[in-house]
Amino acid sequence: MFGCLVAGRLVQTDAAQVASDKFVFNLPDYENVNHVVVFMLGTVPFPAGMGGAVYFSFPDPASGVPVWQLLGFIANDKPSAIFKISGLTAGRGGAHPFGGMASAAPSVAQVGVSVEPLEQLAQQTPVTGASASTADALRLFTQKMLDSLYNFASSFAVTQAQMTPNPSETFVPSSCILKWYENFQRRMNQNPNFWKN
């Protein structure tokens, strides 16, 4: 039902089923993994109203006991997600549904998927820093915002012949808005974070 992907490695589709609603993937050499993708294979959907909470577990260096952290979730309408796992080992784990069911060797981390009601998934808070880069989402938002601004401003466009003199009104040529739009779009494509400077 699930797959797990780490860049530079083969896709894993052999999750160990540790309970009727819980599945675990082993991640050997986890110290060299930055991101992990968890996805549905498309062969079996979640039951209606259900989704999968995605957890990451690593062995606590002091005790060797697995520390579980919530990364996020997948669902029928969100069949895949990418999570950043590098740097998560510094945080503490929280409540998780796996208990002592899944254990791994000291150099092996685990990704767990727990099938839970969507209402419950929506109320859970993933560990800070687990979400992957949102550069693509930011780029899409910016594109939609630029389109909206240009369309809105263009809806007020009038020709010089249609203009009526009004000393309290300032007019901006639509070519200026278009030039700004194109510059912003170009800079966004070069560096999605340019606006932070």
N, C-alpha and C. Protein backbone atom coordinates (compact mmCIF):
# COMPACT_ATOMS: atom_id res chain seq x y z
N MET A 1 0.82 -1.20 0.00
CA MET A 1 0.00 0.00 0.00
C MET A 1 0.86 1.26 0.00
N PHE A 2 2.10 1.19 0.59
CA PHE A 2 2.94 2.37 0.73
C PHE A 2 4.30 2.14 0.10
N GLY A 3 4.95 3.25 -0.23
CA GLY A 3 6.32 3.22 -0.70
C GLY A 3 7.12 4.29 0.01
N CYS A 4 8.43 4.10 0.02
CA CYS A 4 9.33 5.04 0.68
C CYS A 4 10.53 5.24 -0.25
N LEU A 5 10.96 6.49 -0.41
CA LEU A 5 12.05 6.79 -1.32
C LEU A 5 13.04 7.74 -0.69
N VAL A 6 14.31 7.38 -0.78
CA VAL A 6 15.42 8.22 -0.37
C VAL A 6 16.25 8.44 -1.61
N ALA A 7 16.66 9.68 -1.88
CA ALA A 7 17.45 9.98 -3.08
C ALA A 7 18.69 9.11 -3.13
N GLY A 8 18.97 8.56 -4.31
CA GLY A 8 20.14 7.74 -4.52
C GLY A 8 19.97 6.29 -4.10
N ARG A 9 18.77 5.92 -3.65
CA ARG A 9 18.52 4.55 -3.22
C ARG A 9 17.33 3.99 -4.00
N LEU A 10 17.20 2.67 -3.97
CA LEU A 10 16.05 2.04 -4.60
C LEU A 10 14.78 2.35 -3.82
N VAL A 11 13.67 2.38 -4.51
CA VAL A 11 12.38 2.58 -3.87
C VAL A 11 12.08 1.39 -2.97
N GLN A 12 11.58 1.65 -1.77
CA GLN A 12 11.18 0.58 -0.86
C GLN A 12 9.66 0.44 -0.91
N THR A 13 9.19 -0.76 -1.17
CA THR A 13 7.76 -1.03 -1.14
C THR A 13 7.44 -2.20 -0.22
N ASP A 14 8.43 -2.59 0.56
CA ASP A 14 8.30 -3.76 1.41
C ASP A 14 8.16 -3.38 2.89
N ALA A 15 7.22 -2.53 3.19
CA ALA A 15 7.01 -2.11 4.58
C ALA A 15 6.66 -3.31 5.44
N ALA A 16 7.24 -3.37 6.62
CA ALA A 16 6.89 -4.43 7.57
C ALA A 16 5.60 -4.02 8.27
N GLN A 17 4.62 -4.90 8.29
CA GLN A 17 3.36 -4.61 8.96
C GLN A 17 3.51 -5.06 10.42
N VAL A 18 3.59 -4.07 11.34
CA VAL A 18 3.82 -4.39 12.75
C VAL A 18 2.52 -4.47 13.55
N ALA A 19 1.42 -4.04 12.96
CA ALA A 19 0.07 -4.17 13.53
C ALA A 19 -0.88 -4.06 12.34
N SER A 20 -2.16 -4.29 12.59
CA SER A 20 -3.11 -4.28 11.47
C SER A 20 -3.17 -2.93 10.77
N ASP A 21 -2.83 -1.85 11.48
CA ASP A 21 -2.92 -0.51 10.91
C ASP A 21 -1.59 0.25 10.98
N LYS A 22 -0.47 -0.45 11.14
CA LYS A 22 0.82 0.20 11.29
C LYS A 22 1.88 -0.50 10.42
N PHE A 23 2.66 0.32 9.71
CA PHE A 23 3.65 -0.18 8.77
C PHE A 23 4.96 0.55 9.00
N VAL A 24 6.09 -0.14 8.82
CA VAL A 24 7.40 0.44 9.10
C VAL A 24 8.39 0.13 7.97
N PHE A 25 9.15 1.15 7.57
CA PHE A 25 10.26 1.00 6.63
C PHE A 25 11.56 1.22 7.41
N ASN A 26 12.57 0.40 7.15
CA ASN A 26 13.88 0.60 7.75
C ASN A 26 14.72 1.50 6.86
N LEU A 27 15.47 2.43 7.48
CA LEU A 27 16.36 3.33 6.76
C LEU A 27 17.79 3.13 7.27
N PRO A 28 18.53 2.21 6.67
CA PRO A 28 19.92 2.05 7.09
C PRO A 28 20.73 3.29 6.73
N ASP A 29 21.79 3.54 7.49
CA ASP A 29 22.68 4.67 7.25
C ASP A 29 21.89 5.98 7.22
N TYR A 30 20.97 6.13 8.17
CA TYR A 30 20.07 7.30 8.18
C TYR A 30 20.80 8.62 8.40
N GLU A 31 22.02 8.58 8.94
CA GLU A 31 22.75 9.83 9.19
C GLU A 31 23.06 10.56 7.88
N ASN A 32 23.06 9.84 6.76
CA ASN A 32 23.35 10.44 5.46
C ASN A 32 22.10 10.71 4.63
N VAL A 33 20.94 10.71 5.26
CA VAL A 33 19.68 10.95 4.56
C VAL A 33 19.17 12.35 4.94
N ASN A 34 18.87 13.15 3.93
CA ASN A 34 18.33 14.49 4.18
C ASN A 34 16.81 14.52 4.11
N HIS A 35 16.26 13.90 3.07
CA HIS A 35 14.82 13.92 2.85
C HIS A 35 14.33 12.50 2.57
N VAL A 36 13.08 12.27 2.89
CA VAL A 36 12.44 10.99 2.60
C VAL A 36 11.06 11.29 2.01
N VAL A 37 10.70 10.51 1.00
CA VAL A 37 9.38 10.65 0.37
C VAL A 37 8.57 9.42 0.76
N VAL A 38 7.37 9.64 1.26
CA VAL A 38 6.44 8.56 1.58
C VAL A 38 5.24 8.73 0.65
N PHE A 39 4.82 7.62 0.03
CA PHE A 39 3.74 7.74 -0.95
C PHE A 39 2.89 6.47 -0.96
N MET A 40 1.68 6.63 -1.48
CA MET A 40 0.79 5.49 -1.69
C MET A 40 1.13 4.88 -3.04
N LEU A 41 1.06 3.58 -3.12
CA LEU A 41 1.39 2.89 -4.38
C LEU A 41 0.27 3.01 -5.40
N GLY A 42 -0.92 3.34 -4.96
CA GLY A 42 -2.05 3.47 -5.87
C GLY A 42 -2.81 2.17 -6.07
N THR A 43 -2.39 1.11 -5.40
CA THR A 43 -3.07 -0.17 -5.56
C THR A 43 -4.21 -0.33 -4.57
N VAL A 44 -4.04 0.22 -3.36
CA VAL A 44 -5.06 0.12 -2.32
C VAL A 44 -5.26 1.50 -1.70
N PRO A 45 -6.46 2.08 -1.79
CA PRO A 45 -6.69 3.38 -1.17
C PRO A 45 -6.95 3.22 0.33
N PHE A 46 -6.84 4.33 1.05
CA PHE A 46 -7.24 4.32 2.45
C PHE A 46 -8.75 4.13 2.53
N PRO A 47 -9.26 3.51 3.59
CA PRO A 47 -10.70 3.45 3.78
C PRO A 47 -11.25 4.88 3.91
N ALA A 48 -12.52 5.07 3.61
CA ALA A 48 -13.14 6.40 3.69
C ALA A 48 -12.91 7.01 5.06
N GLY A 49 -12.50 8.28 5.07
CA GLY A 49 -12.29 9.00 6.33
C GLY A 49 -10.98 8.68 7.03
N MET A 50 -10.10 7.94 6.37
CA MET A 50 -8.83 7.55 6.99
C MET A 50 -7.65 8.10 6.19
N GLY A 51 -6.50 8.20 6.86
CA GLY A 51 -5.26 8.63 6.23
C GLY A 51 -4.11 7.98 6.97
N GLY A 52 -2.90 8.36 6.65
CA GLY A 52 -1.73 7.77 7.28
C GLY A 52 -0.83 8.80 7.91
N ALA A 53 -0.68 8.75 9.24
CA ALA A 53 0.27 9.61 9.93
C ALA A 53 1.66 9.04 9.66
N VAL A 54 2.60 9.90 9.30
CA VAL A 54 3.96 9.48 8.97
C VAL A 54 4.89 9.89 10.11
N TYR A 55 5.60 8.90 10.65
CA TYR A 55 6.51 9.13 11.77
C TYR A 55 7.93 8.76 11.35
N PHE A 56 8.91 9.39 12.02
CA PHE A 56 10.31 9.07 11.82
C PHE A 56 10.87 8.66 13.17
N SER A 57 11.65 7.59 13.19
CA SER A 57 12.24 7.08 14.42
C SER A 57 13.74 6.91 14.22
N PHE A 58 14.48 7.32 15.23
CA PHE A 58 15.93 7.12 15.22
C PHE A 58 16.33 6.65 16.61
N PRO A 59 17.41 5.90 16.71
CA PRO A 59 17.84 5.43 18.03
C PRO A 59 18.45 6.58 18.83
N ASP A 60 17.97 6.79 20.05
CA ASP A 60 18.53 7.80 20.95
C ASP A 60 19.98 7.43 21.22
N PRO A 61 20.93 8.36 20.97
CA PRO A 61 22.34 8.02 21.15
C PRO A 61 22.69 7.59 22.59
N ALA A 62 22.00 8.13 23.58
CA ALA A 62 22.31 7.81 24.98
C ALA A 62 21.76 6.45 25.40
N SER A 63 20.49 6.21 25.07
CA SER A 63 19.85 4.99 25.58
C SER A 63 19.66 3.91 24.52
N GLY A 64 19.71 4.29 23.25
CA GLY A 64 19.46 3.32 22.19
C GLY A 64 17.98 3.05 21.95
N VAL A 65 17.11 3.66 22.77
CA VAL A 65 15.66 3.50 22.63
C VAL A 65 15.18 4.35 21.45
N PRO A 66 14.30 3.83 20.61
CA PRO A 66 13.82 4.62 19.47
C PRO A 66 13.06 5.86 19.92
N VAL A 67 13.38 6.99 19.28
CA VAL A 67 12.68 8.26 19.49
C VAL A 67 11.82 8.49 18.25
N TRP A 68 10.50 8.57 18.43
CA TRP A 68 9.58 8.75 17.31
C TRP A 68 9.13 10.20 17.22
N GLN A 69 9.10 10.73 15.99
CA GLN A 69 8.65 12.10 15.76
C GLN A 69 7.65 12.11 14.60
N LEU A 70 6.56 12.86 14.77
CA LEU A 70 5.55 12.98 13.71
C LEU A 70 6.06 13.91 12.62
N LEU A 71 6.05 13.43 11.38
CA LEU A 71 6.48 14.25 10.25
C LEU A 71 5.30 14.93 9.55
N GLY A 72 4.19 14.25 9.43
CA GLY A 72 3.03 14.77 8.71
C GLY A 72 2.12 13.62 8.36
N PHE A 73 1.40 13.72 7.23
CA PHE A 73 0.50 12.64 6.86
C PHE A 73 0.32 12.56 5.36
N ILE A 74 -0.21 11.42 4.92
CA ILE A 74 -0.65 11.22 3.54
C ILE A 74 -2.10 10.77 3.59
N ALA A 75 -2.81 10.94 2.49
CA ALA A 75 -4.23 10.56 2.42
C ALA A 75 -4.57 10.30 0.95
N ASN A 76 -5.77 9.85 0.70
CA ASN A 76 -6.19 9.57 -0.68
C ASN A 76 -6.08 10.82 -1.55
N ASP A 77 -6.40 12.00 -0.99
CA ASP A 77 -6.32 13.23 -1.77
C ASP A 77 -4.95 13.90 -1.65
N LYS A 78 -4.04 13.32 -0.90
CA LYS A 78 -2.64 13.77 -0.77
C LYS A 78 -1.78 12.51 -0.70
N PRO A 79 -1.63 11.81 -1.83
CA PRO A 79 -1.03 10.48 -1.81
C PRO A 79 0.49 10.43 -1.64
N SER A 80 1.15 11.58 -1.56
CA SER A 80 2.60 11.55 -1.34
C SER A 80 3.01 12.81 -0.59
N ALA A 81 4.15 12.71 0.09
CA ALA A 81 4.70 13.86 0.80
C ALA A 81 6.20 13.67 0.94
N ILE A 82 6.92 14.78 0.92
CA ILE A 82 8.37 14.75 1.12
C ILE A 82 8.66 15.42 2.46
N PHE A 83 9.53 14.79 3.24
CA PHE A 83 9.84 15.29 4.57
C PHE A 83 11.35 15.44 4.74
N LYS A 84 11.75 16.50 5.40
CA LYS A 84 13.15 16.71 5.74
C LYS A 84 13.40 16.02 7.07
N ILE A 85 14.34 15.08 7.09
CA ILE A 85 14.63 14.37 8.34
C ILE A 85 16.01 14.69 8.89
N SER A 86 16.87 15.33 8.08
CA SER A 86 18.19 15.67 8.61
C SER A 86 18.01 16.74 9.69
N GLY A 87 18.70 16.58 10.78
CA GLY A 87 18.62 17.54 11.87
C GLY A 87 17.51 17.27 12.86
N LEU A 88 16.66 16.28 12.62
CA LEU A 88 15.56 16.01 13.54
C LEU A 88 16.03 15.28 14.80
N THR A 89 17.18 14.66 14.74
CA THR A 89 17.63 13.87 15.88
C THR A 89 17.89 14.72 17.11
N ALA A 90 18.07 16.02 16.94
CA ALA A 90 18.34 16.88 18.09
C ALA A 90 17.08 17.10 18.93
N GLY A 91 15.90 16.94 18.33
CA GLY A 91 14.66 17.18 19.05
C GLY A 91 14.23 15.97 19.85
N ARG A 92 13.23 16.13 20.63
CA ARG A 92 12.68 15.03 21.42
C ARG A 92 11.46 14.47 20.72
N GLY A 93 11.20 13.23 20.96
CA GLY A 93 10.03 12.58 20.40
C GLY A 93 8.80 12.88 21.25
N GLY A 94 7.66 12.61 20.70
CA GLY A 94 6.43 12.83 21.41
C GLY A 94 5.58 11.58 21.42
N ALA A 95 4.28 11.77 21.65
CA ALA A 95 3.36 10.65 21.64
C ALA A 95 3.31 10.05 20.24
N HIS A 96 3.31 8.73 20.17
CA HIS A 96 3.27 8.05 18.88
C HIS A 96 2.55 6.73 19.06
N PRO A 97 2.04 6.18 17.98
CA PRO A 97 1.26 4.95 18.08
C PRO A 97 2.06 3.67 18.00
N PHE A 98 3.37 3.74 17.87
CA PHE A 98 4.15 2.53 17.64
C PHE A 98 4.63 1.83 18.91
N GLY A 99 4.77 2.58 20.01
CA GLY A 99 5.22 1.97 21.25
C GLY A 99 6.48 1.17 21.04
N GLY A 100 6.55 -0.02 21.58
CA GLY A 100 7.73 -0.85 21.42
C GLY A 100 7.58 -1.85 20.29
N MET A 101 6.57 -1.67 19.41
CA MET A 101 6.31 -2.63 18.34
C MET A 101 7.45 -2.75 17.36
N ALA A 102 8.05 -1.61 17.00
CA ALA A 102 9.07 -1.64 15.97
C ALA A 102 10.40 -1.25 16.59
N SER A 103 11.40 -2.03 16.36
CA SER A 103 12.72 -1.68 16.84
C SER A 103 13.72 -2.01 15.74
N ALA A 104 14.78 -1.24 15.73
CA ALA A 104 15.78 -1.42 14.67
C ALA A 104 17.16 -1.46 15.27
N ALA A 105 18.13 -1.80 14.45
CA ALA A 105 19.53 -1.80 14.88
C ALA A 105 19.96 -0.37 15.17
N PRO A 106 21.03 -0.17 15.95
CA PRO A 106 21.45 1.17 16.34
C PRO A 106 21.75 2.13 15.19
N SER A 107 22.18 1.64 14.03
CA SER A 107 22.48 2.55 12.91
C SER A 107 21.33 2.62 11.90
N VAL A 108 20.18 2.10 12.27
CA VAL A 108 19.03 2.09 11.36
C VAL A 108 17.90 2.91 11.95
N ALA A 109 17.38 3.85 11.14
CA ALA A 109 16.21 4.62 11.52
C ALA A 109 15.00 3.95 10.88
N GLN A 110 13.81 4.42 11.24
CA GLN A 110 12.59 3.86 10.66
C GLN A 110 11.62 4.97 10.31
N VAL A 111 10.84 4.71 9.26
CA VAL A 111 9.72 5.56 8.90
C VAL A 111 8.48 4.71 9.11
N GLY A 112 7.56 5.20 9.92
CA GLY A 112 6.34 4.46 10.21
C GLY A 112 5.12 5.16 9.65
N VAL A 113 4.16 4.39 9.20
CA VAL A 113 2.87 4.92 8.73
C VAL A 113 1.79 4.28 9.59
N SER A 114 1.02 5.12 10.26
CA SER A 114 -0.06 4.65 11.12
C SER A 114 -1.39 5.09 10.52
N VAL A 115 -2.25 4.15 10.20
CA VAL A 115 -3.55 4.46 9.60
C VAL A 115 -4.46 4.98 10.70
N GLU A 116 -4.94 6.22 10.54
CA GLU A 116 -5.74 6.91 11.56
C GLU A 116 -6.85 7.71 10.90
N PRO A 117 -7.88 8.10 11.67
CA PRO A 117 -8.95 8.94 11.11
C PRO A 117 -8.40 10.30 10.67
N LEU A 118 -8.90 10.82 9.56
CA LEU A 118 -8.46 12.11 9.04
C LEU A 118 -8.68 13.23 10.05
N GLU A 119 -9.78 13.17 10.82
CA GLU A 119 -10.04 14.21 11.83
C GLU A 119 -8.92 14.25 12.85
N GLN A 120 -8.43 13.09 13.23
CA GLN A 120 -7.34 13.02 14.20
C GLN A 120 -6.04 13.53 13.57
N LEU A 121 -5.80 13.20 12.32
CA LEU A 121 -4.58 13.64 11.64
C LEU A 121 -4.53 15.16 11.53
N ALA A 122 -5.67 15.78 11.27
CA ALA A 122 -5.73 17.23 11.12
C ALA A 122 -5.39 17.96 12.42
N GLN A 123 -5.57 17.31 13.56
CA GLN A 123 -5.32 17.94 14.86
C GLN A 123 -3.90 17.74 15.35
N GLN A 124 -3.12 16.89 14.69
CA GLN A 124 -1.76 16.61 15.14
C GLN A 124 -0.79 17.65 14.59
N THR A 125 0.25 17.93 15.36
CA THR A 125 1.25 18.91 14.97
C THR A 125 2.57 18.20 14.67
N PRO A 126 3.04 18.26 13.43
CA PRO A 126 4.32 17.63 13.10
C PRO A 126 5.48 18.31 13.82
N VAL A 127 6.57 17.59 13.96
CA VAL A 127 7.78 18.13 14.57
C VAL A 127 8.29 19.29 13.72
N THR A 128 8.80 20.32 14.36
CA THR A 128 9.31 21.49 13.66
C THR A 128 10.48 21.10 12.77
N GLY A 129 10.49 21.60 11.56
CA GLY A 129 11.58 21.35 10.64
C GLY A 129 11.42 20.13 9.77
N ALA A 130 10.28 19.43 9.89
CA ALA A 130 10.10 18.20 9.10
C ALA A 130 9.60 18.48 7.69
N SER A 131 8.95 19.61 7.49
CA SER A 131 8.42 19.86 6.16
C SER A 131 9.54 20.19 5.20
N ALA A 132 9.41 19.72 4.00
CA ALA A 132 10.43 19.95 2.99
C ALA A 132 10.33 21.37 2.48
N SER A 133 11.30 21.76 1.70
CA SER A 133 11.34 23.10 1.13
C SER A 133 10.04 23.40 0.40
N THR A 134 9.55 24.60 0.61
CA THR A 134 8.31 25.00 -0.03
C THR A 134 8.58 25.95 -1.19
N ALA A 135 9.76 25.85 -1.80
CA ALA A 135 10.10 26.75 -2.90
C ALA A 135 9.10 26.63 -4.04
N ASP A 136 8.68 25.41 -4.39
CA ASP A 136 7.72 25.25 -5.47
C ASP A 136 6.37 25.83 -5.10
N ALA A 137 5.94 25.64 -3.86
CA ALA A 137 4.67 26.22 -3.41
C ALA A 137 4.76 27.73 -3.41
N LEU A 138 5.89 28.27 -2.98
CA LEU A 138 6.07 29.72 -2.97
C LEU A 138 6.07 30.27 -4.38
N ARG A 139 6.74 29.57 -5.28
CA ARG A 139 6.77 30.01 -6.68
C ARG A 139 5.36 30.00 -7.28
N LEU A 140 4.59 28.96 -7.01
CA LEU A 140 3.22 28.88 -7.52
C LEU A 140 2.36 30.00 -6.94
N PHE A 141 2.49 30.24 -5.61
CA PHE A 141 1.73 31.32 -4.98
C PHE A 141 2.09 32.66 -5.62
N THR A 142 3.38 32.90 -5.82
CA THR A 142 3.83 34.17 -6.39
C THR A 142 3.28 34.33 -7.80
N GLN A 143 3.31 33.27 -8.59
CA GLN A 143 2.78 33.33 -9.95
C GLN A 143 1.30 33.70 -9.93
N LYS A 144 0.53 33.06 -9.05
CA LYS A 144 -0.90 33.34 -8.96
C LYS A 144 -1.14 34.77 -8.48
N MET A 145 -0.31 35.24 -7.52
CA MET A 145 -0.45 36.61 -7.02
C MET A 145 -0.16 37.62 -8.13
N LEU A 146 0.92 37.39 -8.90
CA LEU A 146 1.26 38.30 -10.00
C LEU A 146 0.16 38.32 -11.06
N ASP A 147 -0.36 37.15 -11.41
CA ASP A 147 -1.46 37.08 -12.37
C ASP A 147 -2.67 37.87 -11.87
N SER A 148 -2.98 37.70 -10.60
CA SER A 148 -4.14 38.38 -10.02
C SER A 148 -3.95 39.90 -10.03
N LEU A 149 -2.76 40.38 -9.64
CA LEU A 149 -2.49 41.82 -9.65
C LEU A 149 -2.60 42.38 -11.07
N TYR A 150 -1.98 41.70 -12.01
CA TYR A 150 -2.01 42.21 -13.39
C TYR A 150 -3.44 42.22 -13.94
N ASN A 151 -4.18 41.14 -13.71
CA ASN A 151 -5.57 41.08 -14.19
C ASN A 151 -6.44 42.15 -13.53
N PHE A 152 -6.23 42.35 -12.22
CA PHE A 152 -7.01 43.36 -11.50
C PHE A 152 -6.70 44.75 -12.05
N ALA A 153 -5.41 45.07 -12.15
CA ALA A 153 -5.02 46.40 -12.64
C ALA A 153 -5.49 46.60 -14.08
N SER A 154 -5.39 45.56 -14.91
CA SER A 154 -5.79 45.67 -16.32
C SER A 154 -7.30 45.88 -16.46
N SER A 155 -8.07 45.43 -15.50
CA SER A 155 -9.53 45.60 -15.60
C SER A 155 -9.94 47.07 -15.50
N PHE A 156 -9.05 47.92 -15.02
CA PHE A 156 -9.34 49.35 -14.92
C PHE A 156 -8.74 50.14 -16.07
N ALA A 157 -8.11 49.48 -17.00
CA ALA A 157 -7.42 50.16 -18.10
C ALA A 157 -8.41 50.92 -18.98
N VAL A 158 -8.00 52.11 -19.37
CA VAL A 158 -8.76 52.93 -20.32
C VAL A 158 -7.78 53.48 -21.34
N THR A 159 -8.26 53.77 -22.51
CA THR A 159 -7.40 54.40 -23.53
C THR A 159 -7.33 55.88 -23.22
N GLN A 160 -6.39 56.59 -23.88
CA GLN A 160 -6.28 58.03 -23.66
C GLN A 160 -7.56 58.74 -24.09
N ALA A 161 -8.20 58.23 -25.11
CA ALA A 161 -9.44 58.84 -25.58
C ALA A 161 -10.56 58.70 -24.56
N GLN A 162 -10.53 57.62 -23.75
CA GLN A 162 -11.57 57.39 -22.75
C GLN A 162 -11.31 58.13 -21.44
N MET A 163 -10.10 58.65 -21.27
CA MET A 163 -9.75 59.30 -20.00
C MET A 163 -10.48 60.63 -19.86
N THR A 164 -10.98 60.85 -18.67
CA THR A 164 -11.56 62.16 -18.36
C THR A 164 -10.64 62.84 -17.37
N PRO A 165 -10.33 64.09 -17.59
CA PRO A 165 -9.41 64.79 -16.69
C PRO A 165 -9.94 64.78 -15.25
N ASN A 166 -9.09 64.40 -14.33
CA ASN A 166 -9.43 64.38 -12.90
C ASN A 166 -8.15 64.68 -12.14
N PRO A 167 -8.01 65.90 -11.61
CA PRO A 167 -6.75 66.29 -10.97
C PRO A 167 -6.40 65.46 -9.73
N SER A 168 -7.37 64.79 -9.11
CA SER A 168 -7.07 64.01 -7.90
C SER A 168 -6.72 62.55 -8.21
N GLU A 169 -6.73 62.17 -9.47
CA GLU A 169 -6.47 60.78 -9.86
C GLU A 169 -5.09 60.66 -10.50
N THR A 170 -4.34 59.61 -10.13
CA THR A 170 -3.05 59.32 -10.71
C THR A 170 -3.20 58.09 -11.59
N PHE A 171 -2.62 58.16 -12.78
CA PHE A 171 -2.71 57.04 -13.70
C PHE A 171 -1.32 56.43 -13.89
N VAL A 172 -1.29 55.11 -13.87
CA VAL A 172 -0.05 54.37 -14.09
C VAL A 172 -0.22 53.59 -15.39
N PRO A 173 0.71 53.75 -16.32
CA PRO A 173 0.59 52.98 -17.57
C PRO A 173 0.64 51.47 -17.28
N SER A 174 -0.20 50.72 -17.95
CA SER A 174 -0.23 49.27 -17.72
C SER A 174 1.09 48.62 -18.13
N SER A 175 1.85 49.27 -19.01
CA SER A 175 3.16 48.74 -19.39
C SER A 175 4.11 48.73 -18.19
N CYS A 176 3.96 49.65 -17.26
CA CYS A 176 4.79 49.66 -16.04
C CYS A 176 4.47 48.44 -15.17
N ILE A 177 3.20 48.13 -15.03
CA ILE A 177 2.79 46.96 -14.24
C ILE A 177 3.31 45.69 -14.91
N LEU A 178 3.19 45.63 -16.24
CA LEU A 178 3.67 44.46 -16.97
C LEU A 178 5.18 44.30 -16.82
N LYS A 179 5.93 45.42 -16.89
CA LYS A 179 7.39 45.36 -16.73
C LYS A 179 7.75 44.87 -15.33
N TRP A 180 7.08 45.38 -14.29
CA TRP A 180 7.32 44.92 -12.92
C TRP A 180 7.01 43.43 -12.79
N TYR A 181 5.90 43.02 -13.37
CA TYR A 181 5.47 41.62 -13.36
C TYR A 181 6.54 40.72 -13.95
N GLU A 182 7.05 41.09 -15.12
CA GLU A 182 8.07 40.28 -15.79
C GLU A 182 9.37 40.25 -15.00
N ASN A 183 9.80 41.39 -14.44
CA ASN A 183 11.01 41.44 -13.61
C ASN A 183 10.89 40.56 -12.37
N PHE A 184 9.75 40.66 -11.70
CA PHE A 184 9.54 39.87 -10.49
C PHE A 184 9.56 38.38 -10.81
N GLN A 185 8.91 38.02 -11.90
CA GLN A 185 8.85 36.62 -12.32
C GLN A 185 10.26 36.10 -12.65
N ARG A 186 11.05 36.89 -13.35
CA ARG A 186 12.41 36.50 -13.71
C ARG A 186 13.25 36.31 -12.45
N ARG A 187 13.17 37.25 -11.52
CA ARG A 187 13.95 37.15 -10.28
C ARG A 187 13.50 35.96 -9.44
N MET A 188 12.23 35.67 -9.44
CA MET A 188 11.70 34.54 -8.69
C MET A 188 12.22 33.23 -9.26
N ASN A 189 12.32 33.14 -10.59
CA ASN A 189 12.84 31.93 -11.22
C ASN A 189 14.33 31.75 -10.96
N GLN A 190 15.07 32.84 -10.84
CA GLN A 190 16.50 32.76 -10.55
C GLN A 190 16.77 32.37 -9.10
N ASN A 191 15.99 32.95 -8.17
CA ASN A 191 16.18 32.69 -6.75
C ASN A 191 14.86 32.90 -6.03
N PRO A 192 14.15 31.82 -5.66
CA PRO A 192 12.84 31.96 -5.03
C PRO A 192 12.86 32.72 -3.70
N ASN A 193 14.05 32.90 -3.13
CA ASN A 193 14.14 33.61 -1.85
C ASN A 193 14.72 35.01 -1.97
N PHE A 194 14.78 35.56 -3.20
CA PHE A 194 15.38 36.87 -3.38
C PHE A 194 14.69 37.96 -2.58
N TRP A 195 13.40 37.82 -2.37
CA TRP A 195 12.62 38.84 -1.67
C TRP A 195 12.95 38.92 -0.19
N LYS A 196 13.67 37.95 0.36
CA LYS A 196 14.03 37.95 1.78
C LYS A 196 15.18 38.92 2.07
N ASN A 197 15.93 39.31 1.03
CA ASN A 197 17.10 40.19 1.23
C ASN A 197 16.70 41.62 1.48
